[in-house]
Amino acid sequence: RQKGHTEIYRGAEYIVDFVPKIKIEIVLSADMANT
């Protein structure tokens, strides 16, 4: 929903469409999932 943001670099405005994130992947027993 945030749709990225704009930044100014050396006087020019740039649209940053993709925001850096971290993806965590975990495989675990079903009974631990909710916790």
PDB file of all heavy atoms in Angstrom:
ATOM      1  N   ARG A   1       0.812  -1.218   0.000  1.00  0.00           N
ATOM      2  CA  ARG A   1       0.000   0.000   0.000  1.00  0.00           C
ATOM      3  C   ARG A   1       0.842   1.263   0.000  1.00  0.00           C
ATOM      4  O   ARG A   1       0.406   2.304  -0.462  1.00  0.00           O
ATOM      5  CB  ARG A   1      -0.913   0.006   1.219  1.00  0.00           C
ATOM      6  CG  ARG A   1      -1.980  -1.024   1.144  1.00  0.00           C
ATOM      7  CD  ARG A   1      -2.914  -0.908   2.316  1.00  0.00           C
ATOM      8  NE  ARG A   1      -3.880  -1.989   2.251  1.00  0.00           N
ATOM      9  CZ  ARG A   1      -4.546  -2.428   3.275  1.00  0.00           C
ATOM     10  NH1 ARG A   1      -4.364  -1.889   4.461  1.00  0.00           N
ATOM     11  NH2 ARG A   1      -5.407  -3.411   3.148  1.00  0.00           N
ATOM     12  N   GLN A   2       2.067   1.177   0.527  1.00  0.00           N
ATOM     13  CA  GLN A   2       2.883   2.380   0.619  1.00  0.00           C
ATOM     14  C   GLN A   2       3.372   2.859  -0.751  1.00  0.00           C
ATOM     15  O   GLN A   2       3.754   4.001  -0.904  1.00  0.00           O
ATOM     16  CB  GLN A   2       4.065   2.142   1.555  1.00  0.00           C
ATOM     17  CG  GLN A   2       5.089   1.178   0.989  1.00  0.00           C
ATOM     18  CD  GLN A   2       5.995   0.607   2.044  1.00  0.00           C
ATOM     19  OE1 GLN A   2       5.594  -0.261   2.781  1.00  0.00           O
ATOM     20  NE2 GLN A   2       7.208   1.093   2.099  1.00  0.00           N
ATOM     21  N   LYS A   3       3.387   2.009  -1.741  1.00  0.00           N
ATOM     22  CA  LYS A   3       3.730   2.347  -3.129  1.00  0.00           C
ATOM     23  C   LYS A   3       5.083   3.032  -3.289  1.00  0.00           C
ATOM     24  O   LYS A   3       5.291   3.830  -4.176  1.00  0.00           O
ATOM     25  CB  LYS A   3       2.655   3.249  -3.742  1.00  0.00           C
ATOM     26  CG  LYS A   3       1.256   2.704  -3.664  1.00  0.00           C
ATOM     27  CD  LYS A   3       0.892   1.972  -4.914  1.00  0.00           C
ATOM     28  CE  LYS A   3      -0.559   1.647  -5.029  1.00  0.00           C
ATOM     29  NZ  LYS A   3      -1.108   0.732  -4.089  1.00  0.00           N
ATOM     30  N   GLY A   4       6.027   2.729  -2.406  1.00  0.00           N
ATOM     31  CA  GLY A   4       7.361   3.311  -2.526  1.00  0.00           C
ATOM     32  C   GLY A   4       7.397   4.745  -2.026  1.00  0.00           C
ATOM     33  O   GLY A   4       6.507   5.192  -1.313  1.00  0.00           O
ATOM     34  N   HIS A   5       8.436   5.473  -2.426  1.00  0.00           N
ATOM     35  CA  HIS A   5       8.584   6.862  -2.004  1.00  0.00           C
ATOM     36  C   HIS A   5       9.490   7.592  -2.991  1.00  0.00           C
ATOM     37  O   HIS A   5      10.065   6.986  -3.884  1.00  0.00           O
ATOM     38  CB  HIS A   5       9.146   6.934  -0.581  1.00  0.00           C
ATOM     39  CG  HIS A   5      10.501   6.317  -0.449  1.00  0.00           C
ATOM     40  ND1 HIS A   5      10.699   4.965  -0.320  1.00  0.00           N
ATOM     41  CD2 HIS A   5      11.735   6.875  -0.427  1.00  0.00           C
ATOM     42  CE1 HIS A   5      11.991   4.715  -0.223  1.00  0.00           C
ATOM     43  NE2 HIS A   5      12.636   5.853  -0.287  1.00  0.00           N
ATOM     44  N   THR A   6       9.609   8.921  -2.828  1.00  0.00           N
ATOM     45  CA  THR A   6      10.493   9.697  -3.699  1.00  0.00           C
ATOM     46  C   THR A   6      11.724  10.134  -2.912  1.00  0.00           C
ATOM     47  O   THR A   6      11.662  10.360  -1.701  1.00  0.00           O
ATOM     48  CB  THR A   6       9.775  10.947  -4.257  1.00  0.00           C
ATOM     49  OG1 THR A   6       9.340  11.749  -3.168  1.00  0.00           O
ATOM     50  CG2 THR A   6       8.598  10.561  -5.113  1.00  0.00           C
ATOM     51  N   GLU A   7      12.844  10.224  -3.612  1.00  0.00           N
ATOM     52  CA  GLU A   7      14.092  10.698  -3.022  1.00  0.00           C
ATOM     53  C   GLU A   7      14.706  11.716  -3.955  1.00  0.00           C
ATOM     54  O   GLU A   7      14.484  11.684  -5.167  1.00  0.00           O
ATOM     55  CB  GLU A   7      15.077   9.540  -2.823  1.00  0.00           C
ATOM     56  CG  GLU A   7      14.693   8.582  -1.742  1.00  0.00           C
ATOM     57  CD  GLU A   7      15.754   7.517  -1.494  1.00  0.00           C
ATOM     58  OE1 GLU A   7      16.833   7.583  -2.105  1.00  0.00           O
ATOM     59  OE2 GLU A   7      15.480   6.623  -0.683  1.00  0.00           O
ATOM     60  N   ILE A   8      15.499  12.615  -3.390  1.00  0.00           N
ATOM     61  CA  ILE A   8      16.208  13.604  -4.205  1.00  0.00           C
ATOM     62  C   ILE A   8      17.693  13.267  -4.149  1.00  0.00           C
ATOM     63  O   ILE A   8      18.270  13.128  -3.062  1.00  0.00           O
ATOM     64  CB  ILE A   8      15.946  15.031  -3.703  1.00  0.00           C
ATOM     65  CG1 ILE A   8      14.454  15.346  -3.854  1.00  0.00           C
ATOM     66  CG2 ILE A   8      16.807  16.032  -4.462  1.00  0.00           C
ATOM     67  CD1 ILE A   8      14.043  16.687  -3.318  1.00  0.00           C
ATOM     68  N   TYR A   9      18.307  13.094  -5.336  1.00  0.00           N
ATOM     69  CA  TYR A   9      19.724  12.775  -5.435  1.00  0.00           C
ATOM     70  C   TYR A   9      20.354  13.743  -6.415  1.00  0.00           C
ATOM     71  O   TYR A   9      19.960  13.800  -7.582  1.00  0.00           O
ATOM     72  CB  TYR A   9      19.903  11.324  -5.888  1.00  0.00           C
ATOM     73  CG  TYR A   9      21.338  10.909  -6.067  1.00  0.00           C
ATOM     74  CD1 TYR A   9      22.167  10.725  -4.963  1.00  0.00           C
ATOM     75  CD2 TYR A   9      21.879  10.716  -7.330  1.00  0.00           C
ATOM     76  CE1 TYR A   9      23.486  10.348  -5.110  1.00  0.00           C
ATOM     77  CE2 TYR A   9      23.196  10.336  -7.498  1.00  0.00           C
ATOM     78  CZ  TYR A   9      23.994  10.160  -6.378  1.00  0.00           C
ATOM     79  OH  TYR A   9      25.309   9.787  -6.526  1.00  0.00           O
ATOM     80  N   ARG A  10      21.308  14.527  -5.933  1.00  0.00           N
ATOM     81  CA  ARG A  10      22.002  15.537  -6.746  1.00  0.00           C
ATOM     82  C   ARG A  10      21.025  16.449  -7.473  1.00  0.00           C
ATOM     83  O   ARG A  10      21.152  16.720  -8.676  1.00  0.00           O
ATOM     84  CB  ARG A  10      22.945  14.869  -7.737  1.00  0.00           C
ATOM     85  CG  ARG A  10      24.086  14.150  -7.055  1.00  0.00           C
ATOM     86  CD  ARG A  10      25.094  13.683  -8.040  1.00  0.00           C
ATOM     87  NE  ARG A  10      26.197  13.040  -7.325  1.00  0.00           N
ATOM     88  CZ  ARG A  10      27.269  12.586  -7.907  1.00  0.00           C
ATOM     89  NH1 ARG A  10      27.422  12.692  -9.215  1.00  0.00           N
ATOM     90  NH2 ARG A  10      28.215  12.022  -7.197  1.00  0.00           N
ATOM     91  N   GLY A  11      20.019  16.868  -6.753  1.00  0.00           N
ATOM     92  CA  GLY A  11      19.065  17.827  -7.295  1.00  0.00           C
ATOM     93  C   GLY A  11      17.951  17.241  -8.133  1.00  0.00           C
ATOM     94  O   GLY A  11      17.025  17.951  -8.513  1.00  0.00           O
ATOM     95  N   ALA A  12      18.020  15.961  -8.462  1.00  0.00           N
ATOM     96  CA  ALA A  12      16.971  15.328  -9.277  1.00  0.00           C
ATOM     97  C   ALA A  12      16.091  14.459  -8.375  1.00  0.00           C
ATOM     98  O   ALA A  12      16.585  13.792  -7.463  1.00  0.00           O
ATOM     99  CB  ALA A  12      17.593  14.481 -10.380  1.00  0.00           C
ATOM    100  N   GLU A  13      14.817  14.464  -8.653  1.00  0.00           N
ATOM    101  CA  GLU A  13      13.879  13.669  -7.873  1.00  0.00           C
ATOM    102  C   GLU A  13      13.695  12.300  -8.520  1.00  0.00           C
ATOM    103  O   GLU A  13      13.494  12.198  -9.721  1.00  0.00           O
ATOM    104  CB  GLU A  13      12.530  14.390  -7.787  1.00  0.00           C
ATOM    105  CG  GLU A  13      11.567  13.733  -6.834  1.00  0.00           C
ATOM    106  CD  GLU A  13      10.305  14.555  -6.638  1.00  0.00           C
ATOM    107  OE1 GLU A  13      10.400  15.650  -6.059  1.00  0.00           O
ATOM    108  OE2 GLU A  13       9.246  14.081  -7.077  1.00  0.00           O
ATOM    109  N   TYR A  14      13.807  11.254  -7.708  1.00  0.00           N
ATOM    110  CA  TYR A  14      13.647   9.884  -8.189  1.00  0.00           C
ATOM    111  C   TYR A  14      12.529   9.202  -7.424  1.00  0.00           C
ATOM    112  O   TYR A  14      12.381   9.395  -6.218  1.00  0.00           O
ATOM    113  CB  TYR A  14      14.944   9.079  -7.975  1.00  0.00           C
ATOM    114  CG  TYR A  14      16.098   9.561  -8.811  1.00  0.00           C
ATOM    115  CD1 TYR A  14      16.991  10.503  -8.313  1.00  0.00           C
ATOM    116  CD2 TYR A  14      16.294   9.075 -10.094  1.00  0.00           C
ATOM    117  CE1 TYR A  14      18.050  10.952  -9.072  1.00  0.00           C
ATOM    118  CE2 TYR A  14      17.357   9.523 -10.865  1.00  0.00           C
ATOM    119  CZ  TYR A  14      18.226  10.461 -10.353  1.00  0.00           C
ATOM    120  OH  TYR A  14      19.270  10.910 -11.113  1.00  0.00           O
ATOM    121  N   ILE A  15      11.778   8.385  -8.129  1.00  0.00           N
ATOM    122  CA  ILE A  15      10.745   7.581  -7.482  1.00  0.00           C
ATOM    123  C   ILE A  15      11.348   6.218  -7.188  1.00  0.00           C
ATOM    124  O   ILE A  15      11.860   5.543  -8.078  1.00  0.00           O
ATOM    125  CB  ILE A  15       9.500   7.429  -8.384  1.00  0.00           C
ATOM    126  CG1 ILE A  15       8.868   8.798  -8.619  1.00  0.00           C
ATOM    127  CG2 ILE A  15       8.503   6.469  -7.759  1.00  0.00           C
ATOM    128  CD1 ILE A  15       7.738   8.799  -9.612  1.00  0.00           C
ATOM    129  N   VAL A  16      11.315   5.833  -5.916  1.00  0.00           N
ATOM    130  CA  VAL A  16      11.808   4.525  -5.500  1.00  0.00           C
ATOM    131  C   VAL A  16      10.576   3.625  -5.357  1.00  0.00           C
ATOM    132  O   VAL A  16       9.828   3.731  -4.387  1.00  0.00           O
ATOM    133  CB  VAL A  16      12.592   4.614  -4.170  1.00  0.00           C
ATOM    134  CG1 VAL A  16      13.072   3.238  -3.742  1.00  0.00           C
ATOM    135  CG2 VAL A  16      13.747   5.592  -4.310  1.00  0.00           C
ATOM    136  N   ASP A  17      10.358   2.783  -6.361  1.00  0.00           N
ATOM    137  CA  ASP A  17       9.166   1.927  -6.377  1.00  0.00           C
ATOM    138  C   ASP A  17       9.278   0.770  -5.396  1.00  0.00           C
ATOM    139  O   ASP A  17       8.299   0.401  -4.761  1.00  0.00           O
ATOM    140  CB  ASP A  17       8.944   1.332  -7.773  1.00  0.00           C
ATOM    141  CG  ASP A  17       8.524   2.383  -8.784  1.00  0.00           C
ATOM    142  OD1 ASP A  17       8.008   3.428  -8.365  1.00  0.00           O
ATOM    143  OD2 ASP A  17       8.714   2.148  -9.984  1.00  0.00           O
ATOM    144  N   PHE A  18      10.445   0.181  -5.309  1.00  0.00           N
ATOM    145  CA  PHE A  18      10.615  -1.008  -4.494  1.00  0.00           C
ATOM    146  C   PHE A  18      11.382  -0.670  -3.218  1.00  0.00           C
ATOM    147  O   PHE A  18      12.486  -0.148  -3.273  1.00  0.00           O
ATOM    148  CB  PHE A  18      11.336  -2.108  -5.282  1.00  0.00           C
ATOM    149  CG  PHE A  18      10.542  -2.570  -6.464  1.00  0.00           C
ATOM    150  CD1 PHE A  18      10.886  -2.189  -7.746  1.00  0.00           C
ATOM    151  CD2 PHE A  18       9.430  -3.369  -6.294  1.00  0.00           C
ATOM    152  CE1 PHE A  18      10.145  -2.611  -8.835  1.00  0.00           C
ATOM    153  CE2 PHE A  18       8.678  -3.796  -7.363  1.00  0.00           C
ATOM    154  CZ  PHE A  18       9.039  -3.416  -8.641  1.00  0.00           C
ATOM    155  N   VAL A  19      10.777  -0.999  -2.096  1.00  0.00           N
ATOM    156  CA  VAL A  19      11.342  -0.691  -0.787  1.00  0.00           C
ATOM    157  C   VAL A  19      12.104  -1.922  -0.289  1.00  0.00           C
ATOM    158  O   VAL A  19      11.589  -3.044  -0.374  1.00  0.00           O
ATOM    159  CB  VAL A  19      10.209  -0.324   0.192  1.00  0.00           C
ATOM    160  CG1 VAL A  19      10.756   0.003   1.558  1.00  0.00           C
ATOM    161  CG2 VAL A  19       9.404   0.841  -0.363  1.00  0.00           C
ATOM    162  N   PRO A  20      13.319  -1.749   0.251  1.00  0.00           N
ATOM    163  CA  PRO A  20      14.073  -2.896   0.766  1.00  0.00           C
ATOM    164  C   PRO A  20      13.385  -3.512   1.989  1.00  0.00           C
ATOM    165  O   PRO A  20      12.944  -2.787   2.887  1.00  0.00           O
ATOM    166  CB  PRO A  20      15.431  -2.325   1.153  1.00  0.00           C
ATOM    167  CG  PRO A  20      15.419  -0.895   0.804  1.00  0.00           C
ATOM    168  CD  PRO A  20      14.060  -0.515   0.356  1.00  0.00           C
ATOM    169  N   LYS A  21      13.311  -4.817   2.001  1.00  0.00           N
ATOM    170  CA  LYS A  21      12.718  -5.575   3.104  1.00  0.00           C
ATOM    171  C   LYS A  21      13.570  -6.807   3.370  1.00  0.00           C
ATOM    172  O   LYS A  21      14.467  -7.134   2.599  1.00  0.00           O
ATOM    173  CB  LYS A  21      11.293  -6.037   2.769  1.00  0.00           C
ATOM    174  CG  LYS A  21      10.310  -4.934   2.442  1.00  0.00           C
ATOM    175  CD  LYS A  21       9.884  -4.191   3.670  1.00  0.00           C
ATOM    176  CE  LYS A  21       8.825  -3.160   3.299  1.00  0.00           C
ATOM    177  NZ  LYS A  21       8.335  -2.439   4.437  1.00  0.00           N
ATOM    178  N   ILE A  22      13.262  -7.507   4.448  1.00  0.00           N
ATOM    179  CA  ILE A  22      13.891  -8.776   4.782  1.00  0.00           C
ATOM    180  C   ILE A  22      12.816  -9.851   4.772  1.00  0.00           C
ATOM    181  O   ILE A  22      11.735  -9.649   5.324  1.00  0.00           O
ATOM    182  CB  ILE A  22      14.553  -8.724   6.178  1.00  0.00           C
ATOM    183  CG1 ILE A  22      15.701  -7.721   6.207  1.00  0.00           C
ATOM    184  CG2 ILE A  22      15.019 -10.110   6.617  1.00  0.00           C
ATOM    185  CD1 ILE A  22      16.900  -8.102   5.385  1.00  0.00           C
ATOM    186  N   LYS A  23      13.133 -10.977   4.151  1.00  0.00           N
ATOM    187  CA  LYS A  23      12.208 -12.107   4.134  1.00  0.00           C
ATOM    188  C   LYS A  23      12.792 -13.209   5.014  1.00  0.00           C
ATOM    189  O   LYS A  23      13.908 -13.659   4.798  1.00  0.00           O
ATOM    190  CB  LYS A  23      12.020 -12.630   2.709  1.00  0.00           C
ATOM    191  CG  LYS A  23      11.060 -13.791   2.604  1.00  0.00           C
ATOM    192  CD  LYS A  23      10.921 -14.195   1.138  1.00  0.00           C
ATOM    193  CE  LYS A  23       9.969 -15.326   0.940  1.00  0.00           C
ATOM    194  NZ  LYS A  23       9.874 -15.700  -0.479  1.00  0.00           N
ATOM    195  N   ILE A  24      12.010 -13.612   6.009  1.00  0.00           N
ATOM    196  CA  ILE A  24      12.394 -14.694   6.905  1.00  0.00           C
ATOM    197  C   ILE A  24      11.551 -15.903   6.554  1.00  0.00           C
ATOM    198  O   ILE A  24      10.325 -15.796   6.459  1.00  0.00           O
ATOM    199  CB  ILE A  24      12.141 -14.316   8.378  1.00  0.00           C
ATOM    200  CG1 ILE A  24      12.917 -13.062   8.751  1.00  0.00           C
ATOM    201  CG2 ILE A  24      12.496 -15.478   9.304  1.00  0.00           C
ATOM    202  CD1 ILE A  24      12.561 -12.509  10.117  1.00  0.00           C
ATOM    203  N   GLU A  25      12.199 -17.048   6.338  1.00  0.00           N
ATOM    204  CA  GLU A  25      11.483 -18.289   6.055  1.00  0.00           C
ATOM    205  C   GLU A  25      11.803 -19.288   7.160  1.00  0.00           C
ATOM    206  O   GLU A  25      12.968 -19.523   7.466  1.00  0.00           O
ATOM    207  CB  GLU A  25      11.899 -18.851   4.700  1.00  0.00           C
ATOM    208  CG  GLU A  25      11.532 -17.928   3.546  1.00  0.00           C
ATOM    209  CD  GLU A  25      12.019 -18.456   2.217  1.00  0.00           C
ATOM    210  OE1 GLU A  25      11.322 -19.296   1.631  1.00  0.00           O
ATOM    211  OE2 GLU A  25      13.109 -18.027   1.797  1.00  0.00           O
ATOM    212  N   ILE A  26      10.741 -19.850   7.747  1.00  0.00           N
ATOM    213  CA  ILE A  26      10.895 -20.809   8.841  1.00  0.00           C
ATOM    214  C   ILE A  26       9.980 -21.990   8.568  1.00  0.00           C
ATOM    215  O   ILE A  26       8.814 -21.804   8.229  1.00  0.00           O
ATOM    216  CB  ILE A  26      10.464 -20.193  10.186  1.00  0.00           C
ATOM    217  CG1 ILE A  26      11.149 -18.861  10.439  1.00  0.00           C
ATOM    218  CG2 ILE A  26      10.712 -21.156  11.323  1.00  0.00           C
ATOM    219  CD1 ILE A  26      10.490 -18.062  11.534  1.00  0.00           C
ATOM    220  N   VAL A  27      10.504 -23.197   8.711  1.00  0.00           N
ATOM    221  CA  VAL A  27       9.673 -24.399   8.671  1.00  0.00           C
ATOM    222  C   VAL A  27       9.684 -24.981  10.078  1.00  0.00           C
ATOM    223  O   VAL A  27      10.748 -25.179  10.663  1.00  0.00           O
ATOM    224  CB  VAL A  27      10.189 -25.430   7.643  1.00  0.00           C
ATOM    225  CG1 VAL A  27       9.352 -26.688   7.683  1.00  0.00           C
ATOM    226  CG2 VAL A  27      10.169 -24.820   6.244  1.00  0.00           C
ATOM    227  N   LEU A  28       8.492 -25.235  10.610  1.00  0.00           N
ATOM    228  CA  LEU A  28       8.382 -25.697  11.979  1.00  0.00           C
ATOM    229  C   LEU A  28       7.162 -26.586  12.150  1.00  0.00           C
ATOM    230  O   LEU A  28       6.341 -26.700  11.238  1.00  0.00           O
ATOM    231  CB  LEU A  28       8.337 -24.511  12.944  1.00  0.00           C
ATOM    232  CG  LEU A  28       7.171 -23.548  12.859  1.00  0.00           C
ATOM    233  CD1 LEU A  28       7.190 -22.648  14.079  1.00  0.00           C
ATOM    234  CD2 LEU A  28       7.230 -22.693  11.636  1.00  0.00           C
ATOM    235  N   SER A  29       7.055 -27.212  13.303  1.00  0.00           N
ATOM    236  CA  SER A  29       5.911 -28.072  13.565  1.00  0.00           C
ATOM    237  C   SER A  29       4.652 -27.211  13.626  1.00  0.00           C
ATOM    238  O   SER A  29       4.695 -26.038  14.003  1.00  0.00           O
ATOM    239  CB  SER A  29       6.103 -28.832  14.875  1.00  0.00           C
ATOM    240  OG  SER A  29       6.164 -27.931  15.954  1.00  0.00           O
ATOM    241  N   ALA A  30       3.539 -27.805  13.268  1.00  0.00           N
ATOM    242  CA  ALA A  30       2.273 -27.075  13.213  1.00  0.00           C
ATOM    243  C   ALA A  30       1.896 -26.485  14.570  1.00  0.00           C
ATOM    244  O   ALA A  30       1.326 -25.395  14.640  1.00  0.00           O
ATOM    245  CB  ALA A  30       1.172 -27.984  12.693  1.00  0.00           C
ATOM    246  N   ASP A  31       2.232 -27.174  15.658  1.00  0.00           N
ATOM    247  CA  ASP A  31       1.860 -26.675  16.981  1.00  0.00           C
ATOM    248  C   ASP A  31       2.685 -25.462  17.420  1.00  0.00           C
ATOM    249  O   ASP A  31       2.277 -24.715  18.300  1.00  0.00           O
ATOM    250  CB  ASP A  31       1.927 -27.791  18.036  1.00  0.00           C
ATOM    251  CG  ASP A  31       3.298 -28.423  18.154  1.00  0.00           C
ATOM    252  OD1 ASP A  31       3.987 -28.530  17.132  1.00  0.00           O
ATOM    253  OD2 ASP A  31       3.659 -28.835  19.267  1.00  0.00           O
ATOM    254  N   MET A  32       3.838 -25.228  16.799  1.00  0.00           N
ATOM    255  CA  MET A  32       4.661 -24.049  17.110  1.00  0.00           C
ATOM    256  C   MET A  32       4.321 -22.844  16.234  1.00  0.00           C
ATOM    257  O   MET A  32       4.741 -21.722  16.532  1.00  0.00           O
ATOM    258  CB  MET A  32       6.143 -24.379  16.918  1.00  0.00           C
ATOM    259  CG  MET A  32       6.772 -25.198  18.016  1.00  0.00           C
ATOM    260  SD  MET A  32       6.948 -24.289  19.548  1.00  0.00           S
ATOM    261  CE  MET A  32       8.112 -23.014  19.085  1.00  0.00           C
ATOM    262  N   ALA A  33       3.566 -23.061  15.170  1.00  0.00           N
ATOM    263  CA  ALA A  33       3.326 -22.004  14.190  1.00  0.00           C
ATOM    264  C   ALA A  33       2.632 -20.781  14.795  1.00  0.00           C
ATOM    265  O   ALA A  33       3.065 -19.647  14.569  1.00  0.00           O
ATOM    266  CB  ALA A  33       2.528 -22.541  13.008  1.00  0.00           C
ATOM    267  N   ASN A  34       1.564 -20.994  15.549  1.00  0.00           N
ATOM    268  CA  ASN A  34       0.837 -19.850  16.102  1.00  0.00           C
ATOM    269  C   ASN A  34       1.693 -19.028  17.054  1.00  0.00           C
ATOM    270  O   ASN A  34       1.634 -17.800  17.047  1.00  0.00           O
ATOM    271  CB  ASN A  34      -0.448 -20.309  16.796  1.00  0.00           C
ATOM    272  CG  ASN A  34      -1.508 -20.720  15.797  1.00  0.00           C
ATOM    273  OD1 ASN A  34      -1.517 -20.273  14.658  1.00  0.00           O
ATOM    274  ND2 ASN A  34      -2.399 -21.590  16.219  1.00  0.00           N
ATOM    275  N   THR A  35       2.510 -19.697  17.856  1.00  0.00           N
ATOM    276  CA  THR A  35       3.410 -18.985  18.769  1.00  0.00           C
ATOM    277  C   THR A  35       4.407 -18.146  17.982  1.00  0.00           C
ATOM    278  O   THR A  35       4.641 -16.975  18.307  1.00  0.00           O
ATOM    279  CB  THR A  35       4.162 -19.985  19.672  1.00  0.00           C
ATOM    280  OG1 THR A  35       3.207 -20.787  20.358  1.00  0.00           O
ATOM    281  CG2 THR A  35       5.054 -19.277  20.668  1.00  0.00           C
TER     282      THR A  35
END
